[in-house]
Amino acid sequence: QALNARRWRAEALSGEQVQKLEPAL
């Protein structure tokens, strides 16, 4: 939220989403 408020793009993710982005996790 803080980064997006400063126009620095960030996306909150669930555990399943981080695992999908980086299967090595």
PDBML (XML) file of the C-alpha atoms, coordinates in Angstrom:
<?xml version="1.0" encoding="UTF-8" ?>
<PDBx:datablock datablockName="MODEL"
   xmlns:PDBx="http://pdbml.pdb.org/schema/pdbx-v50.xsd"
   xmlns:xsi="http://www.w3.org/2001/XMLSchema-instance"
   xsi:schemaLocation="http://pdbml.pdb.org/schema/pdbx-v50.xsd pdbx-v50.xsd">
   <PDBx:atom_siteCategory>
      <PDBx:atom_site id="1">
         <PDBx:B_iso_or_equiv>0.00</PDBx:B_iso_or_equiv>
         <PDBx:Cartn_x>0.000</PDBx:Cartn_x>
         <PDBx:Cartn_y>0.000</PDBx:Cartn_y>
         <PDBx:Cartn_z>0.000</PDBx:Cartn_z>
         <PDBx:auth_asym_id>A</PDBx:auth_asym_id>
         <PDBx:auth_atom_id>CA</PDBx:auth_atom_id>
         <PDBx:auth_comp_id>GLN</PDBx:auth_comp_id>
         <PDBx:auth_seq_id>1</PDBx:auth_seq_id>
         <PDBx:group_PDB>ATOM</PDBx:group_PDB>
         <PDBx:label_alt_id xsi:nil="true" />
         <PDBx:label_asym_id>A</PDBx:label_asym_id>
         <PDBx:label_atom_id>CA</PDBx:label_atom_id>
         <PDBx:label_comp_id>GLN</PDBx:label_comp_id>
         <PDBx:label_entity_id>1</PDBx:label_entity_id>
         <PDBx:label_seq_id>1</PDBx:label_seq_id>
         <PDBx:occupancy>1.00</PDBx:occupancy>
         <PDBx:pdbx_PDB_model_num>1</PDBx:pdbx_PDB_model_num>
         <PDBx:type_symbol>C</PDBx:type_symbol>
      </PDBx:atom_site>
      <PDBx:atom_site id="2">
         <PDBx:B_iso_or_equiv>0.00</PDBx:B_iso_or_equiv>
         <PDBx:Cartn_x>2.793</PDBx:Cartn_x>
         <PDBx:Cartn_y>2.426</PDBx:Cartn_y>
         <PDBx:Cartn_z>0.927</PDBx:Cartn_z>
         <PDBx:auth_asym_id>A</PDBx:auth_asym_id>
         <PDBx:auth_atom_id>CA</PDBx:auth_atom_id>
         <PDBx:auth_comp_id>ALA</PDBx:auth_comp_id>
         <PDBx:auth_seq_id>2</PDBx:auth_seq_id>
         <PDBx:group_PDB>ATOM</PDBx:group_PDB>
         <PDBx:label_alt_id xsi:nil="true" />
         <PDBx:label_asym_id>A</PDBx:label_asym_id>
         <PDBx:label_atom_id>CA</PDBx:label_atom_id>
         <PDBx:label_comp_id>ALA</PDBx:label_comp_id>
         <PDBx:label_entity_id>1</PDBx:label_entity_id>
         <PDBx:label_seq_id>2</PDBx:label_seq_id>
         <PDBx:occupancy>1.00</PDBx:occupancy>
         <PDBx:pdbx_PDB_model_num>1</PDBx:pdbx_PDB_model_num>
         <PDBx:type_symbol>C</PDBx:type_symbol>
      </PDBx:atom_site>
      <PDBx:atom_site id="3">
         <PDBx:B_iso_or_equiv>0.00</PDBx:B_iso_or_equiv>
         <PDBx:Cartn_x>4.686</PDBx:Cartn_x>
         <PDBx:Cartn_y>1.842</PDBx:Cartn_y>
         <PDBx:Cartn_z>-2.315</PDBx:Cartn_z>
         <PDBx:auth_asym_id>A</PDBx:auth_asym_id>
         <PDBx:auth_atom_id>CA</PDBx:auth_atom_id>
         <PDBx:auth_comp_id>LEU</PDBx:auth_comp_id>
         <PDBx:auth_seq_id>3</PDBx:auth_seq_id>
         <PDBx:group_PDB>ATOM</PDBx:group_PDB>
         <PDBx:label_alt_id xsi:nil="true" />
         <PDBx:label_asym_id>A</PDBx:label_asym_id>
         <PDBx:label_atom_id>CA</PDBx:label_atom_id>
         <PDBx:label_comp_id>LEU</PDBx:label_comp_id>
         <PDBx:label_entity_id>1</PDBx:label_entity_id>
         <PDBx:label_seq_id>3</PDBx:label_seq_id>
         <PDBx:occupancy>1.00</PDBx:occupancy>
         <PDBx:pdbx_PDB_model_num>1</PDBx:pdbx_PDB_model_num>
         <PDBx:type_symbol>C</PDBx:type_symbol>
      </PDBx:atom_site>
      <PDBx:atom_site id="4">
         <PDBx:B_iso_or_equiv>0.00</PDBx:B_iso_or_equiv>
         <PDBx:Cartn_x>1.609</PDBx:Cartn_x>
         <PDBx:Cartn_y>2.117</PDBx:Cartn_y>
         <PDBx:Cartn_z>-4.498</PDBx:Cartn_z>
         <PDBx:auth_asym_id>A</PDBx:auth_asym_id>
         <PDBx:auth_atom_id>CA</PDBx:auth_atom_id>
         <PDBx:auth_comp_id>ASN</PDBx:auth_comp_id>
         <PDBx:auth_seq_id>4</PDBx:auth_seq_id>
         <PDBx:group_PDB>ATOM</PDBx:group_PDB>
         <PDBx:label_alt_id xsi:nil="true" />
         <PDBx:label_asym_id>A</PDBx:label_asym_id>
         <PDBx:label_atom_id>CA</PDBx:label_atom_id>
         <PDBx:label_comp_id>ASN</PDBx:label_comp_id>
         <PDBx:label_entity_id>1</PDBx:label_entity_id>
         <PDBx:label_seq_id>4</PDBx:label_seq_id>
         <PDBx:occupancy>1.00</PDBx:occupancy>
         <PDBx:pdbx_PDB_model_num>1</PDBx:pdbx_PDB_model_num>
         <PDBx:type_symbol>C</PDBx:type_symbol>
      </PDBx:atom_site>
      <PDBx:atom_site id="5">
         <PDBx:B_iso_or_equiv>0.00</PDBx:B_iso_or_equiv>
         <PDBx:Cartn_x>0.717</PDBx:Cartn_x>
         <PDBx:Cartn_y>5.362</PDBx:Cartn_y>
         <PDBx:Cartn_z>-2.737</PDBx:Cartn_z>
         <PDBx:auth_asym_id>A</PDBx:auth_asym_id>
         <PDBx:auth_atom_id>CA</PDBx:auth_atom_id>
         <PDBx:auth_comp_id>ALA</PDBx:auth_comp_id>
         <PDBx:auth_seq_id>5</PDBx:auth_seq_id>
         <PDBx:group_PDB>ATOM</PDBx:group_PDB>
         <PDBx:label_alt_id xsi:nil="true" />
         <PDBx:label_asym_id>A</PDBx:label_asym_id>
         <PDBx:label_atom_id>CA</PDBx:label_atom_id>
         <PDBx:label_comp_id>ALA</PDBx:label_comp_id>
         <PDBx:label_entity_id>1</PDBx:label_entity_id>
         <PDBx:label_seq_id>5</PDBx:label_seq_id>
         <PDBx:occupancy>1.00</PDBx:occupancy>
         <PDBx:pdbx_PDB_model_num>1</PDBx:pdbx_PDB_model_num>
         <PDBx:type_symbol>C</PDBx:type_symbol>
      </PDBx:atom_site>
      <PDBx:atom_site id="6">
         <PDBx:B_iso_or_equiv>0.00</PDBx:B_iso_or_equiv>
         <PDBx:Cartn_x>4.100</PDBx:Cartn_x>
         <PDBx:Cartn_y>6.662</PDBx:Cartn_y>
         <PDBx:Cartn_z>-3.923</PDBx:Cartn_z>
         <PDBx:auth_asym_id>A</PDBx:auth_asym_id>
         <PDBx:auth_atom_id>CA</PDBx:auth_atom_id>
         <PDBx:auth_comp_id>ARG</PDBx:auth_comp_id>
         <PDBx:auth_seq_id>6</PDBx:auth_seq_id>
         <PDBx:group_PDB>ATOM</PDBx:group_PDB>
         <PDBx:label_alt_id xsi:nil="true" />
         <PDBx:label_asym_id>A</PDBx:label_asym_id>
         <PDBx:label_atom_id>CA</PDBx:label_atom_id>
         <PDBx:label_comp_id>ARG</PDBx:label_comp_id>
         <PDBx:label_entity_id>1</PDBx:label_entity_id>
         <PDBx:label_seq_id>6</PDBx:label_seq_id>
         <PDBx:occupancy>1.00</PDBx:occupancy>
         <PDBx:pdbx_PDB_model_num>1</PDBx:pdbx_PDB_model_num>
         <PDBx:type_symbol>C</PDBx:type_symbol>
      </PDBx:atom_site>
      <PDBx:atom_site id="7">
         <PDBx:B_iso_or_equiv>0.00</PDBx:B_iso_or_equiv>
         <PDBx:Cartn_x>3.480</PDBx:Cartn_x>
         <PDBx:Cartn_y>5.405</PDBx:Cartn_y>
         <PDBx:Cartn_z>-7.471</PDBx:Cartn_z>
         <PDBx:auth_asym_id>A</PDBx:auth_asym_id>
         <PDBx:auth_atom_id>CA</PDBx:auth_atom_id>
         <PDBx:auth_comp_id>ARG</PDBx:auth_comp_id>
         <PDBx:auth_seq_id>7</PDBx:auth_seq_id>
         <PDBx:group_PDB>ATOM</PDBx:group_PDB>
         <PDBx:label_alt_id xsi:nil="true" />
         <PDBx:label_asym_id>A</PDBx:label_asym_id>
         <PDBx:label_atom_id>CA</PDBx:label_atom_id>
         <PDBx:label_comp_id>ARG</PDBx:label_comp_id>
         <PDBx:label_entity_id>1</PDBx:label_entity_id>
         <PDBx:label_seq_id>7</PDBx:label_seq_id>
         <PDBx:occupancy>1.00</PDBx:occupancy>
         <PDBx:pdbx_PDB_model_num>1</PDBx:pdbx_PDB_model_num>
         <PDBx:type_symbol>C</PDBx:type_symbol>
      </PDBx:atom_site>
      <PDBx:atom_site id="8">
         <PDBx:B_iso_or_equiv>0.00</PDBx:B_iso_or_equiv>
         <PDBx:Cartn_x>6.036</PDBx:Cartn_x>
         <PDBx:Cartn_y>2.611</PDBx:Cartn_y>
         <PDBx:Cartn_z>-7.131</PDBx:Cartn_z>
         <PDBx:auth_asym_id>A</PDBx:auth_asym_id>
         <PDBx:auth_atom_id>CA</PDBx:auth_atom_id>
         <PDBx:auth_comp_id>TRP</PDBx:auth_comp_id>
         <PDBx:auth_seq_id>8</PDBx:auth_seq_id>
         <PDBx:group_PDB>ATOM</PDBx:group_PDB>
         <PDBx:label_alt_id xsi:nil="true" />
         <PDBx:label_asym_id>A</PDBx:label_asym_id>
         <PDBx:label_atom_id>CA</PDBx:label_atom_id>
         <PDBx:label_comp_id>TRP</PDBx:label_comp_id>
         <PDBx:label_entity_id>1</PDBx:label_entity_id>
         <PDBx:label_seq_id>8</PDBx:label_seq_id>
         <PDBx:occupancy>1.00</PDBx:occupancy>
         <PDBx:pdbx_PDB_model_num>1</PDBx:pdbx_PDB_model_num>
         <PDBx:type_symbol>C</PDBx:type_symbol>
      </PDBx:atom_site>
      <PDBx:atom_site id="9">
         <PDBx:B_iso_or_equiv>0.00</PDBx:B_iso_or_equiv>
         <PDBx:Cartn_x>4.131</PDBx:Cartn_x>
         <PDBx:Cartn_y>-0.406</PDBx:Cartn_y>
         <PDBx:Cartn_z>-8.346</PDBx:Cartn_z>
         <PDBx:auth_asym_id>A</PDBx:auth_asym_id>
         <PDBx:auth_atom_id>CA</PDBx:auth_atom_id>
         <PDBx:auth_comp_id>ARG</PDBx:auth_comp_id>
         <PDBx:auth_seq_id>9</PDBx:auth_seq_id>
         <PDBx:group_PDB>ATOM</PDBx:group_PDB>
         <PDBx:label_alt_id xsi:nil="true" />
         <PDBx:label_asym_id>A</PDBx:label_asym_id>
         <PDBx:label_atom_id>CA</PDBx:label_atom_id>
         <PDBx:label_comp_id>ARG</PDBx:label_comp_id>
         <PDBx:label_entity_id>1</PDBx:label_entity_id>
         <PDBx:label_seq_id>9</PDBx:label_seq_id>
         <PDBx:occupancy>1.00</PDBx:occupancy>
         <PDBx:pdbx_PDB_model_num>1</PDBx:pdbx_PDB_model_num>
         <PDBx:type_symbol>C</PDBx:type_symbol>
      </PDBx:atom_site>
      <PDBx:atom_site id="10">
         <PDBx:B_iso_or_equiv>0.00</PDBx:B_iso_or_equiv>
         <PDBx:Cartn_x>3.702</PDBx:Cartn_x>
         <PDBx:Cartn_y>-3.248</PDBx:Cartn_y>
         <PDBx:Cartn_z>-5.859</PDBx:Cartn_z>
         <PDBx:auth_asym_id>A</PDBx:auth_asym_id>
         <PDBx:auth_atom_id>CA</PDBx:auth_atom_id>
         <PDBx:auth_comp_id>ALA</PDBx:auth_comp_id>
         <PDBx:auth_seq_id>10</PDBx:auth_seq_id>
         <PDBx:group_PDB>ATOM</PDBx:group_PDB>
         <PDBx:label_alt_id xsi:nil="true" />
         <PDBx:label_asym_id>A</PDBx:label_asym_id>
         <PDBx:label_atom_id>CA</PDBx:label_atom_id>
         <PDBx:label_comp_id>ALA</PDBx:label_comp_id>
         <PDBx:label_entity_id>1</PDBx:label_entity_id>
         <PDBx:label_seq_id>10</PDBx:label_seq_id>
         <PDBx:occupancy>1.00</PDBx:occupancy>
         <PDBx:pdbx_PDB_model_num>1</PDBx:pdbx_PDB_model_num>
         <PDBx:type_symbol>C</PDBx:type_symbol>
      </PDBx:atom_site>
      <PDBx:atom_site id="11">
         <PDBx:B_iso_or_equiv>0.00</PDBx:B_iso_or_equiv>
         <PDBx:Cartn_x>1.327</PDBx:Cartn_x>
         <PDBx:Cartn_y>-6.182</PDBx:Cartn_y>
         <PDBx:Cartn_z>-5.639</PDBx:Cartn_z>
         <PDBx:auth_asym_id>A</PDBx:auth_asym_id>
         <PDBx:auth_atom_id>CA</PDBx:auth_atom_id>
         <PDBx:auth_comp_id>GLU</PDBx:auth_comp_id>
         <PDBx:auth_seq_id>11</PDBx:auth_seq_id>
         <PDBx:group_PDB>ATOM</PDBx:group_PDB>
         <PDBx:label_alt_id xsi:nil="true" />
         <PDBx:label_asym_id>A</PDBx:label_asym_id>
         <PDBx:label_atom_id>CA</PDBx:label_atom_id>
         <PDBx:label_comp_id>GLU</PDBx:label_comp_id>
         <PDBx:label_entity_id>1</PDBx:label_entity_id>
         <PDBx:label_seq_id>11</PDBx:label_seq_id>
         <PDBx:occupancy>1.00</PDBx:occupancy>
         <PDBx:pdbx_PDB_model_num>1</PDBx:pdbx_PDB_model_num>
         <PDBx:type_symbol>C</PDBx:type_symbol>
      </PDBx:atom_site>
      <PDBx:atom_site id="12">
         <PDBx:B_iso_or_equiv>0.00</PDBx:B_iso_or_equiv>
         <PDBx:Cartn_x>0.243</PDBx:Cartn_x>
         <PDBx:Cartn_y>-7.977</PDBx:Cartn_y>
         <PDBx:Cartn_z>-2.466</PDBx:Cartn_z>
         <PDBx:auth_asym_id>A</PDBx:auth_asym_id>
         <PDBx:auth_atom_id>CA</PDBx:auth_atom_id>
         <PDBx:auth_comp_id>ALA</PDBx:auth_comp_id>
         <PDBx:auth_seq_id>12</PDBx:auth_seq_id>
         <PDBx:group_PDB>ATOM</PDBx:group_PDB>
         <PDBx:label_alt_id xsi:nil="true" />
         <PDBx:label_asym_id>A</PDBx:label_asym_id>
         <PDBx:label_atom_id>CA</PDBx:label_atom_id>
         <PDBx:label_comp_id>ALA</PDBx:label_comp_id>
         <PDBx:label_entity_id>1</PDBx:label_entity_id>
         <PDBx:label_seq_id>12</PDBx:label_seq_id>
         <PDBx:occupancy>1.00</PDBx:occupancy>
         <PDBx:pdbx_PDB_model_num>1</PDBx:pdbx_PDB_model_num>
         <PDBx:type_symbol>C</PDBx:type_symbol>
      </PDBx:atom_site>
      <PDBx:atom_site id="13">
         <PDBx:B_iso_or_equiv>0.00</PDBx:B_iso_or_equiv>
         <PDBx:Cartn_x>0.354</PDBx:Cartn_x>
         <PDBx:Cartn_y>-11.759</PDBx:Cartn_y>
         <PDBx:Cartn_z>-2.950</PDBx:Cartn_z>
         <PDBx:auth_asym_id>A</PDBx:auth_asym_id>
         <PDBx:auth_atom_id>CA</PDBx:auth_atom_id>
         <PDBx:auth_comp_id>LEU</PDBx:auth_comp_id>
         <PDBx:auth_seq_id>13</PDBx:auth_seq_id>
         <PDBx:group_PDB>ATOM</PDBx:group_PDB>
         <PDBx:label_alt_id xsi:nil="true" />
         <PDBx:label_asym_id>A</PDBx:label_asym_id>
         <PDBx:label_atom_id>CA</PDBx:label_atom_id>
         <PDBx:label_comp_id>LEU</PDBx:label_comp_id>
         <PDBx:label_entity_id>1</PDBx:label_entity_id>
         <PDBx:label_seq_id>13</PDBx:label_seq_id>
         <PDBx:occupancy>1.00</PDBx:occupancy>
         <PDBx:pdbx_PDB_model_num>1</PDBx:pdbx_PDB_model_num>
         <PDBx:type_symbol>C</PDBx:type_symbol>
      </PDBx:atom_site>
      <PDBx:atom_site id="14">
         <PDBx:B_iso_or_equiv>0.00</PDBx:B_iso_or_equiv>
         <PDBx:Cartn_x>-0.951</PDBx:Cartn_x>
         <PDBx:Cartn_y>-14.900</PDBx:Cartn_y>
         <PDBx:Cartn_z>-1.276</PDBx:Cartn_z>
         <PDBx:auth_asym_id>A</PDBx:auth_asym_id>
         <PDBx:auth_atom_id>CA</PDBx:auth_atom_id>
         <PDBx:auth_comp_id>SER</PDBx:auth_comp_id>
         <PDBx:auth_seq_id>14</PDBx:auth_seq_id>
         <PDBx:group_PDB>ATOM</PDBx:group_PDB>
         <PDBx:label_alt_id xsi:nil="true" />
         <PDBx:label_asym_id>A</PDBx:label_asym_id>
         <PDBx:label_atom_id>CA</PDBx:label_atom_id>
         <PDBx:label_comp_id>SER</PDBx:label_comp_id>
         <PDBx:label_entity_id>1</PDBx:label_entity_id>
         <PDBx:label_seq_id>14</PDBx:label_seq_id>
         <PDBx:occupancy>1.00</PDBx:occupancy>
         <PDBx:pdbx_PDB_model_num>1</PDBx:pdbx_PDB_model_num>
         <PDBx:type_symbol>C</PDBx:type_symbol>
      </PDBx:atom_site>
      <PDBx:atom_site id="15">
         <PDBx:B_iso_or_equiv>0.00</PDBx:B_iso_or_equiv>
         <PDBx:Cartn_x>1.242</PDBx:Cartn_x>
         <PDBx:Cartn_y>-17.885</PDBx:Cartn_y>
         <PDBx:Cartn_z>-0.491</PDBx:Cartn_z>
         <PDBx:auth_asym_id>A</PDBx:auth_asym_id>
         <PDBx:auth_atom_id>CA</PDBx:auth_atom_id>
         <PDBx:auth_comp_id>GLY</PDBx:auth_comp_id>
         <PDBx:auth_seq_id>15</PDBx:auth_seq_id>
         <PDBx:group_PDB>ATOM</PDBx:group_PDB>
         <PDBx:label_alt_id xsi:nil="true" />
         <PDBx:label_asym_id>A</PDBx:label_asym_id>
         <PDBx:label_atom_id>CA</PDBx:label_atom_id>
         <PDBx:label_comp_id>GLY</PDBx:label_comp_id>
         <PDBx:label_entity_id>1</PDBx:label_entity_id>
         <PDBx:label_seq_id>15</PDBx:label_seq_id>
         <PDBx:occupancy>1.00</PDBx:occupancy>
         <PDBx:pdbx_PDB_model_num>1</PDBx:pdbx_PDB_model_num>
         <PDBx:type_symbol>C</PDBx:type_symbol>
      </PDBx:atom_site>
      <PDBx:atom_site id="16">
         <PDBx:B_iso_or_equiv>0.00</PDBx:B_iso_or_equiv>
         <PDBx:Cartn_x>-0.045</PDBx:Cartn_x>
         <PDBx:Cartn_y>-19.681</PDBx:Cartn_y>
         <PDBx:Cartn_z>-3.579</PDBx:Cartn_z>
         <PDBx:auth_asym_id>A</PDBx:auth_asym_id>
         <PDBx:auth_atom_id>CA</PDBx:auth_atom_id>
         <PDBx:auth_comp_id>GLU</PDBx:auth_comp_id>
         <PDBx:auth_seq_id>16</PDBx:auth_seq_id>
         <PDBx:group_PDB>ATOM</PDBx:group_PDB>
         <PDBx:label_alt_id xsi:nil="true" />
         <PDBx:label_asym_id>A</PDBx:label_asym_id>
         <PDBx:label_atom_id>CA</PDBx:label_atom_id>
         <PDBx:label_comp_id>GLU</PDBx:label_comp_id>
         <PDBx:label_entity_id>1</PDBx:label_entity_id>
         <PDBx:label_seq_id>16</PDBx:label_seq_id>
         <PDBx:occupancy>1.00</PDBx:occupancy>
         <PDBx:pdbx_PDB_model_num>1</PDBx:pdbx_PDB_model_num>
         <PDBx:type_symbol>C</PDBx:type_symbol>
      </PDBx:atom_site>
      <PDBx:atom_site id="17">
         <PDBx:B_iso_or_equiv>0.00</PDBx:B_iso_or_equiv>
         <PDBx:Cartn_x>0.793</PDBx:Cartn_x>
         <PDBx:Cartn_y>-16.683</PDBx:Cartn_y>
         <PDBx:Cartn_z>-5.760</PDBx:Cartn_z>
         <PDBx:auth_asym_id>A</PDBx:auth_asym_id>
         <PDBx:auth_atom_id>CA</PDBx:auth_atom_id>
         <PDBx:auth_comp_id>GLN</PDBx:auth_comp_id>
         <PDBx:auth_seq_id>17</PDBx:auth_seq_id>
         <PDBx:group_PDB>ATOM</PDBx:group_PDB>
         <PDBx:label_alt_id xsi:nil="true" />
         <PDBx:label_asym_id>A</PDBx:label_asym_id>
         <PDBx:label_atom_id>CA</PDBx:label_atom_id>
         <PDBx:label_comp_id>GLN</PDBx:label_comp_id>
         <PDBx:label_entity_id>1</PDBx:label_entity_id>
         <PDBx:label_seq_id>17</PDBx:label_seq_id>
         <PDBx:occupancy>1.00</PDBx:occupancy>
         <PDBx:pdbx_PDB_model_num>1</PDBx:pdbx_PDB_model_num>
         <PDBx:type_symbol>C</PDBx:type_symbol>
      </PDBx:atom_site>
      <PDBx:atom_site id="18">
         <PDBx:B_iso_or_equiv>0.00</PDBx:B_iso_or_equiv>
         <PDBx:Cartn_x>4.396</PDBx:Cartn_x>
         <PDBx:Cartn_y>-16.368</PDBx:Cartn_y>
         <PDBx:Cartn_z>-4.595</PDBx:Cartn_z>
         <PDBx:auth_asym_id>A</PDBx:auth_asym_id>
         <PDBx:auth_atom_id>CA</PDBx:auth_atom_id>
         <PDBx:auth_comp_id>VAL</PDBx:auth_comp_id>
         <PDBx:auth_seq_id>18</PDBx:auth_seq_id>
         <PDBx:group_PDB>ATOM</PDBx:group_PDB>
         <PDBx:label_alt_id xsi:nil="true" />
         <PDBx:label_asym_id>A</PDBx:label_asym_id>
         <PDBx:label_atom_id>CA</PDBx:label_atom_id>
         <PDBx:label_comp_id>VAL</PDBx:label_comp_id>
         <PDBx:label_entity_id>1</PDBx:label_entity_id>
         <PDBx:label_seq_id>18</PDBx:label_seq_id>
         <PDBx:occupancy>1.00</PDBx:occupancy>
         <PDBx:pdbx_PDB_model_num>1</PDBx:pdbx_PDB_model_num>
         <PDBx:type_symbol>C</PDBx:type_symbol>
      </PDBx:atom_site>
      <PDBx:atom_site id="19">
         <PDBx:B_iso_or_equiv>0.00</PDBx:B_iso_or_equiv>
         <PDBx:Cartn_x>4.825</PDBx:Cartn_x>
         <PDBx:Cartn_y>-20.101</PDBx:Cartn_y>
         <PDBx:Cartn_z>-5.099</PDBx:Cartn_z>
         <PDBx:auth_asym_id>A</PDBx:auth_asym_id>
         <PDBx:auth_atom_id>CA</PDBx:auth_atom_id>
         <PDBx:auth_comp_id>GLN</PDBx:auth_comp_id>
         <PDBx:auth_seq_id>19</PDBx:auth_seq_id>
         <PDBx:group_PDB>ATOM</PDBx:group_PDB>
         <PDBx:label_alt_id xsi:nil="true" />
         <PDBx:label_asym_id>A</PDBx:label_asym_id>
         <PDBx:label_atom_id>CA</PDBx:label_atom_id>
         <PDBx:label_comp_id>GLN</PDBx:label_comp_id>
         <PDBx:label_entity_id>1</PDBx:label_entity_id>
         <PDBx:label_seq_id>19</PDBx:label_seq_id>
         <PDBx:occupancy>1.00</PDBx:occupancy>
         <PDBx:pdbx_PDB_model_num>1</PDBx:pdbx_PDB_model_num>
         <PDBx:type_symbol>C</PDBx:type_symbol>
      </PDBx:atom_site>
      <PDBx:atom_site id="20">
         <PDBx:B_iso_or_equiv>0.00</PDBx:B_iso_or_equiv>
         <PDBx:Cartn_x>3.516</PDBx:Cartn_x>
         <PDBx:Cartn_y>-19.804</PDBx:Cartn_y>
         <PDBx:Cartn_z>-8.653</PDBx:Cartn_z>
         <PDBx:auth_asym_id>A</PDBx:auth_asym_id>
         <PDBx:auth_atom_id>CA</PDBx:auth_atom_id>
         <PDBx:auth_comp_id>LYS</PDBx:auth_comp_id>
         <PDBx:auth_seq_id>20</PDBx:auth_seq_id>
         <PDBx:group_PDB>ATOM</PDBx:group_PDB>
         <PDBx:label_alt_id xsi:nil="true" />
         <PDBx:label_asym_id>A</PDBx:label_asym_id>
         <PDBx:label_atom_id>CA</PDBx:label_atom_id>
         <PDBx:label_comp_id>LYS</PDBx:label_comp_id>
         <PDBx:label_entity_id>1</PDBx:label_entity_id>
         <PDBx:label_seq_id>20</PDBx:label_seq_id>
         <PDBx:occupancy>1.00</PDBx:occupancy>
         <PDBx:pdbx_PDB_model_num>1</PDBx:pdbx_PDB_model_num>
         <PDBx:type_symbol>C</PDBx:type_symbol>
      </PDBx:atom_site>
      <PDBx:atom_site id="21">
         <PDBx:B_iso_or_equiv>0.00</PDBx:B_iso_or_equiv>
         <PDBx:Cartn_x>5.858</PDBx:Cartn_x>
         <PDBx:Cartn_y>-16.920</PDBx:Cartn_y>
         <PDBx:Cartn_z>-9.453</PDBx:Cartn_z>
         <PDBx:auth_asym_id>A</PDBx:auth_asym_id>
         <PDBx:auth_atom_id>CA</PDBx:auth_atom_id>
         <PDBx:auth_comp_id>LEU</PDBx:auth_comp_id>
         <PDBx:auth_seq_id>21</PDBx:auth_seq_id>
         <PDBx:group_PDB>ATOM</PDBx:group_PDB>
         <PDBx:label_alt_id xsi:nil="true" />
         <PDBx:label_asym_id>A</PDBx:label_asym_id>
         <PDBx:label_atom_id>CA</PDBx:label_atom_id>
         <PDBx:label_comp_id>LEU</PDBx:label_comp_id>
         <PDBx:label_entity_id>1</PDBx:label_entity_id>
         <PDBx:label_seq_id>21</PDBx:label_seq_id>
         <PDBx:occupancy>1.00</PDBx:occupancy>
         <PDBx:pdbx_PDB_model_num>1</PDBx:pdbx_PDB_model_num>
         <PDBx:type_symbol>C</PDBx:type_symbol>
      </PDBx:atom_site>
      <PDBx:atom_site id="22">
         <PDBx:B_iso_or_equiv>0.00</PDBx:B_iso_or_equiv>
         <PDBx:Cartn_x>8.885</PDBx:Cartn_x>
         <PDBx:Cartn_y>-18.714</PDBx:Cartn_y>
         <PDBx:Cartn_z>-7.979</PDBx:Cartn_z>
         <PDBx:auth_asym_id>A</PDBx:auth_asym_id>
         <PDBx:auth_atom_id>CA</PDBx:auth_atom_id>
         <PDBx:auth_comp_id>GLU</PDBx:auth_comp_id>
         <PDBx:auth_seq_id>22</PDBx:auth_seq_id>
         <PDBx:group_PDB>ATOM</PDBx:group_PDB>
         <PDBx:label_alt_id xsi:nil="true" />
         <PDBx:label_asym_id>A</PDBx:label_asym_id>
         <PDBx:label_atom_id>CA</PDBx:label_atom_id>
         <PDBx:label_comp_id>GLU</PDBx:label_comp_id>
         <PDBx:label_entity_id>1</PDBx:label_entity_id>
         <PDBx:label_seq_id>22</PDBx:label_seq_id>
         <PDBx:occupancy>1.00</PDBx:occupancy>
         <PDBx:pdbx_PDB_model_num>1</PDBx:pdbx_PDB_model_num>
         <PDBx:type_symbol>C</PDBx:type_symbol>
      </PDBx:atom_site>
      <PDBx:atom_site id="23">
         <PDBx:B_iso_or_equiv>0.00</PDBx:B_iso_or_equiv>
         <PDBx:Cartn_x>8.423</PDBx:Cartn_x>
         <PDBx:Cartn_y>-22.516</PDBx:Cartn_y>
         <PDBx:Cartn_z>-7.792</PDBx:Cartn_z>
         <PDBx:auth_asym_id>A</PDBx:auth_asym_id>
         <PDBx:auth_atom_id>CA</PDBx:auth_atom_id>
         <PDBx:auth_comp_id>PRO</PDBx:auth_comp_id>
         <PDBx:auth_seq_id>23</PDBx:auth_seq_id>
         <PDBx:group_PDB>ATOM</PDBx:group_PDB>
         <PDBx:label_alt_id xsi:nil="true" />
         <PDBx:label_asym_id>A</PDBx:label_asym_id>
         <PDBx:label_atom_id>CA</PDBx:label_atom_id>
         <PDBx:label_comp_id>PRO</PDBx:label_comp_id>
         <PDBx:label_entity_id>1</PDBx:label_entity_id>
         <PDBx:label_seq_id>23</PDBx:label_seq_id>
         <PDBx:occupancy>1.00</PDBx:occupancy>
         <PDBx:pdbx_PDB_model_num>1</PDBx:pdbx_PDB_model_num>
         <PDBx:type_symbol>C</PDBx:type_symbol>
      </PDBx:atom_site>
      <PDBx:atom_site id="24">
         <PDBx:B_iso_or_equiv>0.00</PDBx:B_iso_or_equiv>
         <PDBx:Cartn_x>11.779</PDBx:Cartn_x>
         <PDBx:Cartn_y>-22.869</PDBx:Cartn_y>
         <PDBx:Cartn_z>-6.011</PDBx:Cartn_z>
         <PDBx:auth_asym_id>A</PDBx:auth_asym_id>
         <PDBx:auth_atom_id>CA</PDBx:auth_atom_id>
         <PDBx:auth_comp_id>ALA</PDBx:auth_comp_id>
         <PDBx:auth_seq_id>24</PDBx:auth_seq_id>
         <PDBx:group_PDB>ATOM</PDBx:group_PDB>
         <PDBx:label_alt_id xsi:nil="true" />
         <PDBx:label_asym_id>A</PDBx:label_asym_id>
         <PDBx:label_atom_id>CA</PDBx:label_atom_id>
         <PDBx:label_comp_id>ALA</PDBx:label_comp_id>
         <PDBx:label_entity_id>1</PDBx:label_entity_id>
         <PDBx:label_seq_id>24</PDBx:label_seq_id>
         <PDBx:occupancy>1.00</PDBx:occupancy>
         <PDBx:pdbx_PDB_model_num>1</PDBx:pdbx_PDB_model_num>
         <PDBx:type_symbol>C</PDBx:type_symbol>
      </PDBx:atom_site>
      <PDBx:atom_site id="25">
         <PDBx:B_iso_or_equiv>0.00</PDBx:B_iso_or_equiv>
         <PDBx:Cartn_x>10.267</PDBx:Cartn_x>
         <PDBx:Cartn_y>-21.284</PDBx:Cartn_y>
         <PDBx:Cartn_z>-2.886</PDBx:Cartn_z>
         <PDBx:auth_asym_id>A</PDBx:auth_asym_id>
         <PDBx:auth_atom_id>CA</PDBx:auth_atom_id>
         <PDBx:auth_comp_id>LEU</PDBx:auth_comp_id>
         <PDBx:auth_seq_id>25</PDBx:auth_seq_id>
         <PDBx:group_PDB>ATOM</PDBx:group_PDB>
         <PDBx:label_alt_id xsi:nil="true" />
         <PDBx:label_asym_id>A</PDBx:label_asym_id>
         <PDBx:label_atom_id>CA</PDBx:label_atom_id>
         <PDBx:label_comp_id>LEU</PDBx:label_comp_id>
         <PDBx:label_entity_id>1</PDBx:label_entity_id>
         <PDBx:label_seq_id>25</PDBx:label_seq_id>
         <PDBx:occupancy>1.00</PDBx:occupancy>
         <PDBx:pdbx_PDB_model_num>1</PDBx:pdbx_PDB_model_num>
         <PDBx:type_symbol>C</PDBx:type_symbol>
      </PDBx:atom_site>
   </PDBx:atom_siteCategory>
</PDBx:datablock>
